Amino acid sequence: MAAALGACFVVLLVLVALRWHPLVTVDGDISRTTHRWAVRDHEVTHVFRVLTDWVWDPTTMRLVCTAAAVWLVWRRAAWWTALWLGITCAVATLVQQTVKAVVGRSRPVWPDPVDSAHYAAFPSGHALTATVVCGLLLWLLHRHGPRPALWRTAVTAALVSVVGVGVTRVWLGVHWPSDVLGGWLAGAALVAAAVTVHEWPRDGRVRPPRGR
């Protein structure tokens, strides 16, 4: 799974770096449409700015991840899992910043912007970080056998956060749609790779299947 997701991300990265015309055209068409909506619908734009700056921003997501790591150590003495969680989030940040620096894609530029952002565009750091944090926490929750109601609530919250942050970044005109797609793909690949690492036998023995 990690290899497949990583391959999809690399393909998209190459297309972005080469400025593949069909991709650029689709990005432009979608972005121009959402920008018109953002300029027209001030109330929606304000809500999206609050969500993207305070609820789904990378700093908030990392704080949630840190809180989860502290809880793992405090309640379950799960030092390895807490360390794994922190390292994965750090690696995600490193991957994001490295790819941004290498690709150097410019952000959308508007004569009447509704928001602003810094650094290069690809991939979206908001989308990548939300995908990594929500994906890791969902996997950890699933391992502990949550009640069905709690699981449904967690999955819904994660999906709303991951999809929602992508929508806000495009709506606010600070990312192209393919930047968000790249963030989702890279984040999902990192989660899949991290889960593989966590489940890898550390004592030289093959772990029995769960439930036996």
C-alpha atoms as a PDB file:
ATOM      1  CA  MET A   1       0.000   0.000   0.000  1.00  0.00           C
ATOM      2  CA  ALA A   2       2.754   2.459   0.919  1.00  0.00           C
ATOM      3  CA  ALA A   3       4.610   1.705  -2.320  1.00  0.00           C
ATOM      4  CA  ALA A   4       1.500   2.194  -4.462  1.00  0.00           C
ATOM      5  CA  LEU A   5       0.585   5.474  -2.778  1.00  0.00           C
ATOM      6  CA  GLY A   6       4.185   6.649  -2.971  1.00  0.00           C
ATOM      7  CA  ALA A   7       4.306   5.831  -6.677  1.00  0.00           C
ATOM      8  CA  CYS A   8       1.128   7.832  -7.298  1.00  0.00           C
ATOM      9  CA  PHE A   9       2.630  10.770  -5.440  1.00  0.00           C
ATOM     10  CA  VAL A  10       5.849  10.590  -7.469  1.00  0.00           C
ATOM     11  CA  VAL A  11       3.882  10.524 -10.736  1.00  0.00           C
ATOM     12  CA  LEU A  12       1.936  13.608  -9.669  1.00  0.00           C
ATOM     13  CA  LEU A  13       5.145  15.304  -8.531  1.00  0.00           C
ATOM     14  CA  VAL A  14       6.724  14.732 -11.949  1.00  0.00           C
ATOM     15  CA  LEU A  15       3.654  16.082 -13.745  1.00  0.00           C
ATOM     16  CA  VAL A  16       3.687  19.177 -11.539  1.00  0.00           C
ATOM     17  CA  ALA A  17       7.425  19.712 -12.037  1.00  0.00           C
ATOM     18  CA  LEU A  18       7.050  19.344 -15.822  1.00  0.00           C
ATOM     19  CA  ARG A  19       4.029  21.662 -15.817  1.00  0.00           C
ATOM     20  CA  TRP A  20       1.996  19.100 -17.717  1.00  0.00           C
ATOM     21  CA  HIS A  21      -0.535  21.126 -19.679  1.00  0.00           C
ATOM     22  CA  PRO A  22      -3.717  19.120 -18.925  1.00  0.00           C
ATOM     23  CA  LEU A  23      -2.950  19.278 -15.201  1.00  0.00           C
ATOM     24  CA  VAL A  24      -2.202  23.001 -15.330  1.00  0.00           C
ATOM     25  CA  THR A  25      -5.432  23.586 -17.249  1.00  0.00           C
ATOM     26  CA  VAL A  26      -7.593  21.674 -14.763  1.00  0.00           C
ATOM     27  CA  ASP A  27      -5.872  23.384 -11.822  1.00  0.00           C
ATOM     28  CA  GLY A  28      -6.497  26.782 -13.361  1.00  0.00           C
ATOM     29  CA  ASP A  29     -10.130  26.144 -14.239  1.00  0.00           C
ATOM     30  CA  ILE A  30     -11.020  24.873 -10.771  1.00  0.00           C
ATOM     31  CA  SER A  31      -9.063  27.595  -8.991  1.00  0.00           C
ATOM     32  CA  ARG A  32     -10.621  30.421 -10.993  1.00  0.00           C
ATOM     33  CA  THR A  33     -14.088  29.097 -10.254  1.00  0.00           C
ATOM     34  CA  THR A  34     -13.526  28.680  -6.516  1.00  0.00           C
ATOM     35  CA  HIS A  35     -11.864  32.099  -6.324  1.00  0.00           C
ATOM     36  CA  ARG A  36     -14.955  33.733  -7.805  1.00  0.00           C
ATOM     37  CA  TRP A  37     -17.048  31.983  -5.172  1.00  0.00           C
ATOM     38  CA  ALA A  38     -14.655  33.045  -2.403  1.00  0.00           C
ATOM     39  CA  VAL A  39     -14.793  36.699  -3.438  1.00  0.00           C
ATOM     40  CA  ARG A  40     -18.582  36.610  -3.694  1.00  0.00           C
ATOM     41  CA  ASP A  41     -19.431  34.615  -0.540  1.00  0.00           C
ATOM     42  CA  HIS A  42     -17.722  36.546   2.250  1.00  0.00           C
ATOM     43  CA  GLU A  43     -19.344  34.607   5.090  1.00  0.00           C
ATOM     44  CA  VAL A  44     -18.236  31.220   3.778  1.00  0.00           C
ATOM     45  CA  THR A  45     -14.756  32.565   3.127  1.00  0.00           C
ATOM     46  CA  HIS A  46     -14.515  33.851   6.699  1.00  0.00           C
ATOM     47  CA  VAL A  47     -15.548  30.474   8.118  1.00  0.00           C
ATOM     48  CA  PHE A  48     -13.013  28.711   5.900  1.00  0.00           C
ATOM     49  CA  ARG A  49     -10.255  31.055   7.053  1.00  0.00           C
ATOM     50  CA  VAL A  50     -11.014  30.279  10.692  1.00  0.00           C
ATOM     51  CA  LEU A  51     -11.043  26.547   9.993  1.00  0.00           C
ATOM     52  CA  THR A  52      -7.819  26.545   7.986  1.00  0.00           C
ATOM     53  CA  ASP A  53      -5.945  28.883  10.348  1.00  0.00           C
ATOM     54  CA  TRP A  54      -7.072  27.567  13.735  1.00  0.00           C
ATOM     55  CA  VAL A  55      -8.752  24.165  13.495  1.00  0.00           C
ATOM     56  CA  TRP A  56      -7.090  22.248  10.668  1.00  0.00           C
ATOM     57  CA  ASP A  57      -3.757  24.049  10.475  1.00  0.00           C
ATOM     58  CA  PRO A  58      -0.527  22.026  10.862  1.00  0.00           C
ATOM     59  CA  THR A  59       0.250  23.482  14.293  1.00  0.00           C
ATOM     60  CA  THR A  60      -3.092  22.375  15.721  1.00  0.00           C
ATOM     61  CA  MET A  61      -2.705  18.946  14.144  1.00  0.00           C
ATOM     62  CA  ARG A  62       0.771  18.532  15.636  1.00  0.00           C
ATOM     63  CA  LEU A  63      -0.543  19.564  19.053  1.00  0.00           C
ATOM     64  CA  VAL A  64      -3.229  16.879  18.778  1.00  0.00           C
ATOM     65  CA  CYS A  65      -0.535  14.370  17.857  1.00  0.00           C
ATOM     66  CA  THR A  66       1.579  15.469  20.832  1.00  0.00           C
ATOM     67  CA  ALA A  67      -1.396  15.130  23.182  1.00  0.00           C
ATOM     68  CA  ALA A  68      -2.007  11.609  21.886  1.00  0.00           C
ATOM     69  CA  ALA A  69       1.647  10.691  22.454  1.00  0.00           C
ATOM     70  CA  VAL A  70       1.529  12.019  26.028  1.00  0.00           C
ATOM     71  CA  TRP A  71      -1.657  10.038  26.689  1.00  0.00           C
ATOM     72  CA  LEU A  72      -0.043   6.863  25.343  1.00  0.00           C
ATOM     73  CA  VAL A  73       2.870   7.235  27.749  1.00  0.00           C
ATOM     74  CA  TRP A  74       0.773   8.304  30.734  1.00  0.00           C
ATOM     75  CA  ARG A  75      -2.090   5.799  30.473  1.00  0.00           C
ATOM     76  CA  ARG A  76      -0.496   2.822  28.751  1.00  0.00           C
ATOM     77  CA  ALA A  77       3.276   3.249  29.139  1.00  0.00           C
ATOM     78  CA  ALA A  78       3.434   2.810  25.353  1.00  0.00           C
ATOM     79  CA  TRP A  79       6.798   4.496  24.886  1.00  0.00           C
ATOM     80  CA  TRP A  80       7.555   2.905  21.524  1.00  0.00           C
ATOM     81  CA  THR A  81       4.180   3.885  20.056  1.00  0.00           C
ATOM     82  CA  ALA A  82       4.454   7.434  21.396  1.00  0.00           C
ATOM     83  CA  LEU A  83       7.953   7.771  19.938  1.00  0.00           C
ATOM     84  CA  TRP A  84       6.761   6.283  16.650  1.00  0.00           C
ATOM     85  CA  LEU A  85       3.939   8.821  16.529  1.00  0.00           C
ATOM     86  CA  GLY A  86       6.263  11.762  17.102  1.00  0.00           C
ATOM     87  CA  ILE A  87       8.891  10.575  14.630  1.00  0.00           C
ATOM     88  CA  THR A  88       6.296  10.013  11.919  1.00  0.00           C
ATOM     89  CA  CYS A  89       4.955  13.546  12.318  1.00  0.00           C
ATOM     90  CA  ALA A  90       8.502  14.930  12.201  1.00  0.00           C
ATOM     91  CA  VAL A  91       9.288  12.925   9.057  1.00  0.00           C
ATOM     92  CA  ALA A  92       6.086  14.216   7.460  1.00  0.00           C
ATOM     93  CA  THR A  93       7.190  17.800   8.089  1.00  0.00           C
ATOM     94  CA  LEU A  94      10.642  17.073   6.674  1.00  0.00           C
ATOM     95  CA  VAL A  95       9.196  15.448   3.547  1.00  0.00           C
ATOM     96  CA  GLN A  96       6.805  18.330   3.022  1.00  0.00           C
ATOM     97  CA  GLN A  97       9.460  21.032   3.332  1.00  0.00           C
ATOM     98  CA  THR A  98      11.980  19.137   1.208  1.00  0.00           C
ATOM     99  CA  VAL A  99       9.563  18.567  -1.665  1.00  0.00           C
ATOM    100  CA  LYS A 100       8.405  22.179  -1.515  1.00  0.00           C
ATOM    101  CA  ALA A 101      12.006  23.374  -1.780  1.00  0.00           C
ATOM    102  CA  VAL A 102      12.893  20.997  -4.616  1.00  0.00           C
ATOM    103  CA  VAL A 103       9.787  21.551  -6.751  1.00  0.00           C
ATOM    104  CA  GLY A 104       9.454  25.260  -6.003  1.00  0.00           C
ATOM    105  CA  ARG A 105       5.955  25.574  -7.409  1.00  0.00           C
ATOM    106  CA  SER A 106       4.414  29.035  -7.270  1.00  0.00           C
ATOM    107  CA  ARG A 107       1.129  29.587  -5.503  1.00  0.00           C
ATOM    108  CA  PRO A 108      -1.894  31.070  -7.286  1.00  0.00           C
ATOM    109  CA  VAL A 109      -1.769  34.838  -7.683  1.00  0.00           C
ATOM    110  CA  TRP A 110      -4.977  36.875  -7.700  1.00  0.00           C
ATOM    111  CA  PRO A 111      -5.671  40.583  -8.247  1.00  0.00           C
ATOM    112  CA  ASP A 112      -8.176  40.426  -5.372  1.00  0.00           C
ATOM    113  CA  PRO A 113      -6.850  37.779  -2.938  1.00  0.00           C
ATOM    114  CA  VAL A 114      -8.942  36.650   0.015  1.00  0.00           C
ATOM    115  CA  ASP A 115      -6.011  35.102   1.900  1.00  0.00           C
ATOM    116  CA  SER A 116      -2.241  34.704   1.670  1.00  0.00           C
ATOM    117  CA  ALA A 117       0.364  32.030   2.351  1.00  0.00           C
ATOM    118  CA  HIS A 118       4.118  31.678   2.234  1.00  0.00           C
ATOM    119  CA  TYR A 119       6.635  29.209   0.816  1.00  0.00           C
ATOM    120  CA  ALA A 120       6.169  27.002  -2.226  1.00  0.00           C
ATOM    121  CA  ALA A 121       2.838  25.405  -3.096  1.00  0.00           C
ATOM    122  CA  PHE A 122       3.422  21.688  -3.750  1.00  0.00           C
ATOM    123  CA  PRO A 123       2.455  19.712  -1.763  1.00  0.00           C
ATOM    124  CA  SER A 124      -0.070  21.316   0.553  1.00  0.00           C
ATOM    125  CA  GLY A 125       1.341  21.153   4.062  1.00  0.00           C
ATOM    126  CA  HIS A 126      -2.128  21.499   5.558  1.00  0.00           C
ATOM    127  CA  ALA A 127      -3.465  18.527   3.571  1.00  0.00           C
ATOM    128  CA  LEU A 128      -0.392  16.390   4.223  1.00  0.00           C
ATOM    129  CA  THR A 129      -0.296  17.050   7.967  1.00  0.00           C
ATOM    130  CA  ALA A 130      -4.027  16.493   8.446  1.00  0.00           C
ATOM    131  CA  THR A 131      -3.842  13.217   6.522  1.00  0.00           C
ATOM    132  CA  VAL A 132      -0.884  11.968   8.556  1.00  0.00           C
ATOM    133  CA  VAL A 133      -2.246  12.914  11.970  1.00  0.00           C
ATOM    134  CA  CYS A 134      -5.813  11.749  11.320  1.00  0.00           C
ATOM    135  CA  GLY A 135      -4.602   8.555   9.670  1.00  0.00           C
ATOM    136  CA  LEU A 136      -2.253   7.647  12.506  1.00  0.00           C
ATOM    137  CA  LEU A 137      -4.789   8.395  15.220  1.00  0.00           C
ATOM    138  CA  LEU A 138      -7.506   6.428  13.438  1.00  0.00           C
ATOM    139  CA  TRP A 139      -5.204   3.437  13.133  1.00  0.00           C
ATOM    140  CA  LEU A 140      -4.257   3.627  16.815  1.00  0.00           C
ATOM    141  CA  LEU A 141      -7.908   3.885  17.815  1.00  0.00           C
ATOM    142  CA  HIS A 142      -8.799   0.888  15.665  1.00  0.00           C
ATOM    143  CA  ARG A 143      -6.086  -1.198  17.352  1.00  0.00           C
ATOM    144  CA  HIS A 144      -7.726  -0.639  20.719  1.00  0.00           C
ATOM    145  CA  GLY A 145     -11.131  -1.905  19.584  1.00  0.00           C
ATOM    146  CA  PRO A 146     -13.353   1.154  20.031  1.00  0.00           C
ATOM    147  CA  ARG A 147     -17.113   0.940  20.401  1.00  0.00           C
ATOM    148  CA  PRO A 148     -18.929   1.208  17.038  1.00  0.00           C
ATOM    149  CA  ALA A 149     -20.385   4.625  17.841  1.00  0.00           C
ATOM    150  CA  LEU A 150     -16.982   6.017  18.794  1.00  0.00           C
ATOM    151  CA  TRP A 151     -15.382   4.523  15.696  1.00  0.00           C
ATOM    152  CA  ARG A 152     -18.005   6.007  13.372  1.00  0.00           C
ATOM    153  CA  THR A 153     -17.601   9.400  15.018  1.00  0.00           C
ATOM    154  CA  ALA A 154     -13.814   9.270  14.721  1.00  0.00           C
ATOM    155  CA  VAL A 155     -13.899   8.228  11.065  1.00  0.00           C
ATOM    156  CA  THR A 156     -16.383  10.979  10.251  1.00  0.00           C
ATOM    157  CA  ALA A 157     -14.308  13.618  12.055  1.00  0.00           C
ATOM    158  CA  ALA A 158     -11.141  12.463  10.291  1.00  0.00           C
ATOM    159  CA  LEU A 159     -12.744  12.488   6.848  1.00  0.00           C
ATOM    160  CA  VAL A 160     -14.279  15.920   7.408  1.00  0.00           C
ATOM    161  CA  SER A 161     -10.913  17.263   8.582  1.00  0.00           C
ATOM    162  CA  VAL A 162      -8.830  15.801   5.757  1.00  0.00           C
ATOM    163  CA  VAL A 163     -11.261  16.661   2.967  1.00  0.00           C
ATOM    164  CA  GLY A 164     -12.290  19.934   4.557  1.00  0.00           C
ATOM    165  CA  VAL A 165      -8.800  21.333   4.894  1.00  0.00           C
ATOM    166  CA  GLY A 166      -8.151  20.579   1.233  1.00  0.00           C
ATOM    167  CA  VAL A 167     -11.297  22.398   0.200  1.00  0.00           C
ATOM    168  CA  THR A 168     -10.422  25.450   2.293  1.00  0.00           C
ATOM    169  CA  ARG A 169      -6.934  25.731   0.799  1.00  0.00           C
ATOM    170  CA  VAL A 170      -8.276  25.784  -2.759  1.00  0.00           C
ATOM    171  CA  TRP A 171     -11.256  27.992  -1.880  1.00  0.00           C
ATOM    172  CA  LEU A 172      -8.985  30.578  -0.261  1.00  0.00           C
ATOM    173  CA  GLY A 173      -6.809  30.647  -3.368  1.00  0.00           C
ATOM    174  CA  VAL A 174      -3.541  29.672  -1.699  1.00  0.00           C
ATOM    175  CA  HIS A 175      -3.164  26.254  -3.335  1.00  0.00           C
ATOM    176  CA  TRP A 176      -3.838  24.598  -6.658  1.00  0.00           C
ATOM    177  CA  PRO A 177      -6.051  21.482  -6.463  1.00  0.00           C
ATOM    178  CA  SER A 178      -3.100  19.255  -7.384  1.00  0.00           C
ATOM    179  CA  ASP A 179      -1.180  20.649  -4.392  1.00  0.00           C
ATOM    180  CA  VAL A 180      -3.921  19.319  -2.137  1.00  0.00           C
ATOM    181  CA  LEU A 181      -4.028  15.993  -3.977  1.00  0.00           C
ATOM    182  CA  GLY A 182      -0.262  15.738  -3.548  1.00  0.00           C
ATOM    183  CA  GLY A 183      -0.604  16.393   0.176  1.00  0.00           C
ATOM    184  CA  TRP A 184      -3.234  13.687   0.512  1.00  0.00           C
ATOM    185  CA  LEU A 185      -1.183  11.133  -1.435  1.00  0.00           C
ATOM    186  CA  ALA A 186       2.061  11.881   0.403  1.00  0.00           C
ATOM    187  CA  GLY A 187       0.304  11.814   3.759  1.00  0.00           C
ATOM    188  CA  ALA A 188      -1.443   8.516   3.038  1.00  0.00           C
ATOM    189  CA  ALA A 189       1.832   6.970   1.848  1.00  0.00           C
ATOM    190  CA  LEU A 190       3.565   8.079   5.041  1.00  0.00           C
ATOM    191  CA  VAL A 191       0.786   6.621   7.197  1.00  0.00           C
ATOM    192  CA  ALA A 192       0.957   3.289   5.363  1.00  0.00           C
ATOM    193  CA  ALA A 193       4.750   3.201   5.700  1.00  0.00           C
ATOM    194  CA  ALA A 194       4.586   4.139   9.384  1.00  0.00           C
ATOM    195  CA  VAL A 195       2.061   1.393  10.124  1.00  0.00           C
ATOM    196  CA  THR A 196       4.338  -1.124   8.406  1.00  0.00           C
ATOM    197  CA  VAL A 197       7.252   0.013  10.563  1.00  0.00           C
ATOM    198  CA  HIS A 198       5.186  -0.141  13.750  1.00  0.00           C
ATOM    199  CA  GLU A 199       3.990  -3.664  13.019  1.00  0.00           C
ATOM    200  CA  TRP A 200       7.428  -4.935  11.990  1.00  0.00           C
ATOM    201  CA  PRO A 201       8.631  -7.568  14.517  1.00  0.00           C
ATOM    202  CA  ARG A 202      11.258  -5.990  16.760  1.00  0.00           C
ATOM    203  CA  ASP A 203      12.280  -9.215  18.503  1.00  0.00           C
ATOM    204  CA  GLY A 204      12.988 -11.381  15.476  1.00  0.00           C
ATOM    205  CA  ARG A 205       9.732 -13.339  15.831  1.00  0.00           C
ATOM    206  CA  VAL A 206       6.754 -13.210  13.545  1.00  0.00           C
ATOM    207  CA  ARG A 207       3.730 -11.800  15.324  1.00  0.00           C
ATOM    208  CA  PRO A 208       0.624 -13.993  15.308  1.00  0.00           C
ATOM    209  CA  PRO A 209      -2.490 -12.619  13.619  1.00  0.00           C
ATOM    210  CA  ARG A 210      -4.676 -10.484  15.880  1.00  0.00           C
ATOM    211  CA  GLY A 211      -7.574 -12.183  17.555  1.00  0.00           C
ATOM    212  CA  ARG A 212      -5.860 -15.548  18.112  1.00  0.00           C
END
